[in-house]
């Protein structure tokens, strides 16, 4: 991985962490620390991975293709 790719990955990480922090502050209407935002961001990644595994086990893509008659 070269410098440009590493820099883009770092910017993406910081931006996504800032979005989680800002949305948590808006939802809770109080100050959220960076540590709390990081833990929430980590929880979101874990939940996304779990949902991905569950949907792949259920062959959701096949079901979606059948329900939409292959439009997607």
C-alpha atoms as a PDB file:
ATOM      1  CA  UNK A   1       0.000   0.000   0.000  1.00  0.00           C
ATOM      2  CA  UNK A   2       1.540   3.295  -1.069  1.00  0.00           C
ATOM      3  CA  UNK A   3       1.350   6.639   0.711  1.00  0.00           C
ATOM      4  CA  UNK A   4      -1.656   7.958  -1.240  1.00  0.00           C
ATOM      5  CA  UNK A   5      -3.743   4.880  -0.482  1.00  0.00           C
ATOM      6  CA  UNK A   6      -2.757   4.949   3.195  1.00  0.00           C
ATOM      7  CA  UNK A   7      -3.576   8.668   3.402  1.00  0.00           C
ATOM      8  CA  UNK A   8      -6.988   8.113   1.759  1.00  0.00           C
ATOM      9  CA  UNK A   9      -7.695   5.281   4.211  1.00  0.00           C
ATOM     10  CA  UNK A  10      -6.729   7.506   7.160  1.00  0.00           C
ATOM     11  CA  UNK A  11      -8.929  10.358   5.897  1.00  0.00           C
ATOM     12  CA  UNK A  12     -11.843   7.946   5.426  1.00  0.00           C
ATOM     13  CA  UNK A  13     -11.389   6.575   8.943  1.00  0.00           C
ATOM     14  CA  UNK A  14     -11.266  10.065  10.477  1.00  0.00           C
ATOM     15  CA  UNK A  15     -14.269  11.244   8.484  1.00  0.00           C
ATOM     16  CA  UNK A  16     -16.410   8.245   9.411  1.00  0.00           C
ATOM     17  CA  UNK A  17     -15.451   8.614  13.070  1.00  0.00           C
ATOM     18  CA  UNK A  18     -16.377  12.314  12.950  1.00  0.00           C
ATOM     19  CA  UNK A  19     -19.771  11.453  11.397  1.00  0.00           C
ATOM     20  CA  UNK A  20     -20.474   8.952  14.187  1.00  0.00           C
ATOM     21  CA  UNK A  21     -19.440  11.491  16.842  1.00  0.00           C
ATOM     22  CA  UNK A  22     -21.568  14.267  15.349  1.00  0.00           C
ATOM     23  CA  UNK A  23     -24.652  12.101  14.891  1.00  0.00           C
ATOM     24  CA  UNK A  24     -24.328  10.728  18.432  1.00  0.00           C
ATOM     25  CA  UNK A  25     -24.119  14.259  19.819  1.00  0.00           C
ATOM     26  CA  UNK A  26     -27.221  15.244  17.884  1.00  0.00           C
ATOM     27  CA  UNK A  27     -29.088  12.142  19.048  1.00  0.00           C
ATOM     28  CA  UNK A  28     -28.070  12.322  22.706  1.00  0.00           C
ATOM     29  CA  UNK A  29     -28.102  16.152  22.883  1.00  0.00           C
ATOM     30  CA  UNK A  30     -24.924  16.107  24.980  1.00  0.00           C
ATOM     31  CA  UNK A  31     -21.169  16.022  24.411  1.00  0.00           C
ATOM     32  CA  UNK A  32     -19.796  12.681  23.211  1.00  0.00           C
ATOM     33  CA  UNK A  33     -16.122  11.907  23.723  1.00  0.00           C
ATOM     34  CA  UNK A  34     -13.922  10.546  20.969  1.00  0.00           C
ATOM     35  CA  UNK A  35     -13.580   7.277  22.900  1.00  0.00           C
ATOM     36  CA  UNK A  36     -17.352   6.825  23.024  1.00  0.00           C
ATOM     37  CA  UNK A  37     -17.589   7.667  19.330  1.00  0.00           C
ATOM     38  CA  UNK A  38     -14.875   5.118  18.515  1.00  0.00           C
ATOM     39  CA  UNK A  39     -16.692   2.402  20.466  1.00  0.00           C
ATOM     40  CA  UNK A  40     -19.948   3.199  18.676  1.00  0.00           C
ATOM     41  CA  UNK A  41     -18.125   3.160  15.335  1.00  0.00           C
ATOM     42  CA  UNK A  42     -16.618  -0.223  16.201  1.00  0.00           C
ATOM     43  CA  UNK A  43     -20.046  -1.552  17.183  1.00  0.00           C
ATOM     44  CA  UNK A  44     -21.448  -0.389  13.842  1.00  0.00           C
ATOM     45  CA  UNK A  45     -18.688  -2.271  11.994  1.00  0.00           C
ATOM     46  CA  UNK A  46     -19.394  -5.442  13.985  1.00  0.00           C
ATOM     47  CA  UNK A  47     -23.138  -5.174  13.351  1.00  0.00           C
ATOM     48  CA  UNK A  48     -22.561  -4.596   9.632  1.00  0.00           C
ATOM     49  CA  UNK A  49     -20.341  -7.689   9.450  1.00  0.00           C
ATOM     50  CA  UNK A  50     -22.913  -9.793  11.316  1.00  0.00           C
ATOM     51  CA  UNK A  51     -25.744  -8.636   9.072  1.00  0.00           C
ATOM     52  CA  UNK A  52     -23.619  -9.381   6.018  1.00  0.00           C
ATOM     53  CA  UNK A  53     -22.909 -12.917   7.234  1.00  0.00           C
ATOM     54  CA  UNK A  54     -26.554 -13.559   8.118  1.00  0.00           C
ATOM     55  CA  UNK A  55     -27.840 -12.239   4.795  1.00  0.00           C
ATOM     56  CA  UNK A  56     -25.279 -14.265   2.859  1.00  0.00           C
ATOM     57  CA  UNK A  57     -26.337 -17.385   4.759  1.00  0.00           C
ATOM     58  CA  UNK A  58     -29.975 -16.680   3.881  1.00  0.00           C
ATOM     59  CA  UNK A  59     -29.054 -16.054   0.246  1.00  0.00           C
ATOM     60  CA  UNK A  60     -30.773 -12.666   0.430  1.00  0.00           C
ATOM     61  CA  UNK A  61     -29.354 -11.684  -2.963  1.00  0.00           C
ATOM     62  CA  UNK A  62     -31.155 -14.583  -4.609  1.00  0.00           C
ATOM     63  CA  UNK A  63     -34.388 -13.652  -2.842  1.00  0.00           C
ATOM     64  CA  UNK A  64     -34.025  -9.992  -3.809  1.00  0.00           C
ATOM     65  CA  UNK A  65     -33.386 -10.937  -7.423  1.00  0.00           C
ATOM     66  CA  UNK A  66     -36.534 -13.058  -7.509  1.00  0.00           C
ATOM     67  CA  UNK A  67     -38.697 -10.419  -5.805  1.00  0.00           C
ATOM     68  CA  UNK A  68     -37.575  -7.654  -8.182  1.00  0.00           C
ATOM     69  CA  UNK A  69     -37.746  -9.912 -11.256  1.00  0.00           C
ATOM     70  CA  UNK A  70     -34.065  -9.374 -11.954  1.00  0.00           C
ATOM     71  CA  UNK A  71     -34.213  -5.572 -12.266  1.00  0.00           C
ATOM     72  CA  UNK A  72     -31.078  -5.108 -10.125  1.00  0.00           C
END
